[in-house]
């Protein structure tokens, strides 16, 4: 059994353009996310370990208190 489709060259070109646009859009989105993570990482390097854990504990306590209010 053989199945053949006749697709005009113009449609293939248009499909290719759209596919490339979508891939570039995805790549730019991931590059923006990667850049954001790099900025966050650089910012965290300046925070010492004690301050980090102190802030983390404050955030956890705040989240826990908010959860208890809702329950």
N, C-alpha and C. Protein backbone atom coordinates (compact mmCIF):
# COMPACT_ATOMS: atom_id res chain seq x y z
N UNK A 1 0.86 -1.17 0.00
CA UNK A 1 0.00 0.00 0.00
C UNK A 1 0.90 1.23 0.00
N UNK A 2 0.54 2.20 -0.78
CA UNK A 2 1.31 3.43 -0.87
C UNK A 2 0.35 4.60 -0.84
N UNK A 3 0.72 5.63 -0.08
CA UNK A 3 -0.11 6.82 0.05
C UNK A 3 0.74 8.02 -0.34
N UNK A 4 0.26 8.81 -1.27
CA UNK A 4 1.02 9.95 -1.74
C UNK A 4 0.19 11.22 -1.57
N UNK A 5 0.84 12.25 -1.04
CA UNK A 5 0.19 13.55 -0.89
C UNK A 5 0.87 14.53 -1.82
N UNK A 6 0.08 15.34 -2.47
CA UNK A 6 0.62 16.38 -3.33
C UNK A 6 0.42 17.71 -2.61
N UNK A 7 1.52 18.24 -2.07
CA UNK A 7 1.45 19.49 -1.31
C UNK A 7 2.21 20.56 -2.08
N UNK A 8 1.56 21.67 -2.33
CA UNK A 8 2.23 22.73 -3.07
C UNK A 8 3.48 23.25 -2.34
N UNK A 9 4.50 23.60 -3.11
CA UNK A 9 5.76 24.10 -2.55
C UNK A 9 5.52 25.32 -1.67
N UNK A 10 4.60 26.18 -2.08
CA UNK A 10 4.29 27.39 -1.33
C UNK A 10 3.83 27.06 0.08
N UNK A 11 2.99 26.02 0.22
CA UNK A 11 2.50 25.61 1.54
C UNK A 11 3.63 25.06 2.41
N UNK A 12 4.54 24.30 1.81
CA UNK A 12 5.69 23.77 2.55
C UNK A 12 6.59 24.89 3.06
N UNK A 13 6.81 25.89 2.22
CA UNK A 13 7.63 27.03 2.61
C UNK A 13 6.97 27.77 3.77
N UNK A 14 5.67 27.99 3.67
CA UNK A 14 4.94 28.70 4.74
C UNK A 14 4.98 27.91 6.04
N UNK A 15 4.81 26.59 5.94
CA UNK A 15 4.89 25.73 7.12
C UNK A 15 6.28 25.80 7.75
N UNK A 16 7.30 25.79 6.91
CA UNK A 16 8.68 25.88 7.40
C UNK A 16 8.94 27.20 8.11
N UNK A 17 8.45 28.29 7.55
CA UNK A 17 8.62 29.61 8.17
C UNK A 17 7.96 29.64 9.54
N UNK A 18 6.76 29.13 9.62
CA UNK A 18 6.02 29.13 10.89
C UNK A 18 6.73 28.26 11.93
N UNK A 19 7.22 27.11 11.52
CA UNK A 19 7.94 26.22 12.44
C UNK A 19 9.20 26.90 12.97
N UNK A 20 9.92 27.57 12.09
CA UNK A 20 11.14 28.26 12.51
C UNK A 20 10.80 29.39 13.47
N UNK A 21 9.75 30.15 13.19
CA UNK A 21 9.33 31.23 14.09
C UNK A 21 9.02 30.68 15.47
N UNK A 22 8.30 29.57 15.53
CA UNK A 22 7.94 28.97 16.81
C UNK A 22 9.18 28.52 17.58
N UNK A 23 10.12 27.90 16.89
CA UNK A 23 11.35 27.44 17.55
C UNK A 23 12.17 28.61 18.07
N UNK A 24 12.26 29.68 17.29
CA UNK A 24 13.01 30.87 17.74
C UNK A 24 12.33 31.47 18.95
N UNK A 25 11.01 31.52 18.94
CA UNK A 25 10.26 32.05 20.08
C UNK A 25 10.53 31.24 21.34
N UNK A 26 10.52 29.91 21.21
CA UNK A 26 10.80 29.04 22.36
C UNK A 26 12.23 29.26 22.86
N UNK A 27 13.17 29.37 21.92
CA UNK A 27 14.56 29.54 22.31
C UNK A 27 14.76 30.86 23.05
N UNK A 28 14.15 31.93 22.56
CA UNK A 28 14.26 33.23 23.23
C UNK A 28 13.65 33.19 24.62
N UNK A 29 12.53 32.49 24.75
CA UNK A 29 11.89 32.36 26.06
C UNK A 29 12.83 31.67 27.04
N UNK A 30 13.46 30.57 26.62
CA UNK A 30 14.38 29.85 27.51
C UNK A 30 15.64 30.65 27.80
N UNK A 31 16.10 31.44 26.83
CA UNK A 31 17.27 32.28 27.08
C UNK A 31 16.95 33.35 28.12
N UNK A 32 15.74 33.90 28.07
CA UNK A 32 15.33 34.89 29.07
C UNK A 32 15.25 34.25 30.45
N UNK A 33 14.71 33.04 30.53
CA UNK A 33 14.62 32.33 31.80
C UNK A 33 16.03 32.03 32.33
N UNK A 34 16.91 31.58 31.44
CA UNK A 34 18.28 31.26 31.84
C UNK A 34 18.98 32.52 32.36
N UNK A 35 18.77 33.64 31.69
CA UNK A 35 19.37 34.91 32.12
C UNK A 35 18.85 35.29 33.51
N UNK A 36 17.55 35.11 33.73
CA UNK A 36 16.97 35.42 35.03
C UNK A 36 17.59 34.56 36.13
N UNK A 37 17.75 33.27 35.87
CA UNK A 37 18.37 32.39 36.85
C UNK A 37 19.81 32.80 37.13
N UNK A 38 20.52 33.23 36.11
CA UNK A 38 21.90 33.66 36.29
C UNK A 38 21.95 34.90 37.18
N UNK A 39 21.04 35.84 36.97
CA UNK A 39 20.97 37.05 37.80
C UNK A 39 20.67 36.69 39.25
N UNK A 40 19.70 35.79 39.44
CA UNK A 40 19.36 35.34 40.80
C UNK A 40 20.56 34.66 41.44
N UNK A 41 21.24 33.82 40.69
CA UNK A 41 22.40 33.11 41.20
C UNK A 41 23.49 34.09 41.64
N UNK A 42 23.74 35.09 40.82
CA UNK A 42 24.75 36.09 41.17
C UNK A 42 24.35 36.83 42.44
N UNK A 43 23.06 37.15 42.56
CA UNK A 43 22.57 37.83 43.75
C UNK A 43 22.72 36.99 45.01
N UNK A 44 22.49 35.71 44.88
CA UNK A 44 22.59 34.82 46.03
C UNK A 44 24.03 34.62 46.49
N UNK A 45 24.98 34.82 45.60
CA UNK A 45 26.38 34.64 45.98
C UNK A 45 26.81 35.66 47.03
N UNK A 46 26.15 36.80 47.04
CA UNK A 46 26.54 37.84 47.99
C UNK A 46 25.91 37.63 49.38
N UNK A 47 24.97 36.70 49.48
CA UNK A 47 24.31 36.43 50.75
C UNK A 47 25.08 35.36 51.50
N UNK A 48 25.44 35.64 52.74
CA UNK A 48 26.16 34.63 53.51
C UNK A 48 25.17 33.55 53.99
N UNK A 49 25.72 32.43 54.40
CA UNK A 49 24.91 31.26 54.74
C UNK A 49 23.97 31.52 55.92
N UNK A 50 24.45 32.21 56.95
CA UNK A 50 23.61 32.48 58.12
C UNK A 50 22.40 33.33 57.74
N UNK A 51 22.64 34.37 56.95
CA UNK A 51 21.54 35.24 56.52
C UNK A 51 20.54 34.45 55.67
N UNK A 52 21.06 33.61 54.79
CA UNK A 52 20.20 32.79 53.93
C UNK A 52 19.27 31.92 54.78
N UNK A 53 19.84 31.20 55.74
CA UNK A 53 19.02 30.29 56.56
C UNK A 53 18.07 31.06 57.47
N UNK A 54 18.48 32.23 57.93
CA UNK A 54 17.60 33.05 58.76
C UNK A 54 16.39 33.52 57.93
N UNK A 55 16.66 34.01 56.71
CA UNK A 55 15.58 34.45 55.82
C UNK A 55 14.67 33.28 55.44
N UNK A 56 15.26 32.14 55.17
CA UNK A 56 14.49 30.95 54.81
C UNK A 56 13.55 30.56 55.95
N UNK A 57 14.04 30.61 57.18
CA UNK A 57 13.22 30.26 58.34
C UNK A 57 12.07 31.26 58.50
N UNK A 58 12.32 32.52 58.27
CA UNK A 58 11.26 33.54 58.35
C UNK A 58 10.19 33.27 57.30
N UNK A 59 10.61 32.94 56.09
CA UNK A 59 9.66 32.64 55.01
C UNK A 59 8.84 31.40 55.35
N UNK A 60 9.49 30.36 55.85
CA UNK A 60 8.78 29.13 56.23
C UNK A 60 7.75 29.41 57.32
N UNK A 61 8.15 30.17 58.33
CA UNK A 61 7.25 30.48 59.43
C UNK A 61 6.06 31.29 58.93
N UNK A 62 6.32 32.24 58.07
CA UNK A 62 5.24 33.06 57.52
C UNK A 62 4.27 32.21 56.70
N UNK A 63 4.81 31.33 55.88
CA UNK A 63 3.97 30.44 55.07
C UNK A 63 3.15 29.51 55.95
N UNK A 64 3.76 28.99 57.00
CA UNK A 64 3.06 28.10 57.92
C UNK A 64 1.91 28.83 58.62
N UNK A 65 2.19 30.05 59.09
CA UNK A 65 1.15 30.84 59.75
C UNK A 65 -0.01 31.16 58.81
N UNK A 66 0.32 31.47 57.57
CA UNK A 66 -0.73 31.74 56.59
C UNK A 66 -1.55 30.47 56.31
N UNK A 67 -0.88 29.34 56.22
CA UNK A 67 -1.58 28.08 56.01
C UNK A 67 -2.53 27.78 57.17
N UNK A 68 -2.04 27.98 58.40
CA UNK A 68 -2.88 27.69 59.57
C UNK A 68 -4.12 28.59 59.60
N UNK A 69 -4.00 29.83 59.14
CA UNK A 69 -5.15 30.73 59.10
C UNK A 69 -6.23 30.20 58.15
N UNK A 70 -5.81 29.63 57.04
CA UNK A 70 -6.74 29.16 56.02
C UNK A 70 -7.40 27.84 56.40
N UNK A 71 -6.76 27.07 57.24
CA UNK A 71 -7.28 25.75 57.59
C UNK A 71 -8.21 25.82 58.75
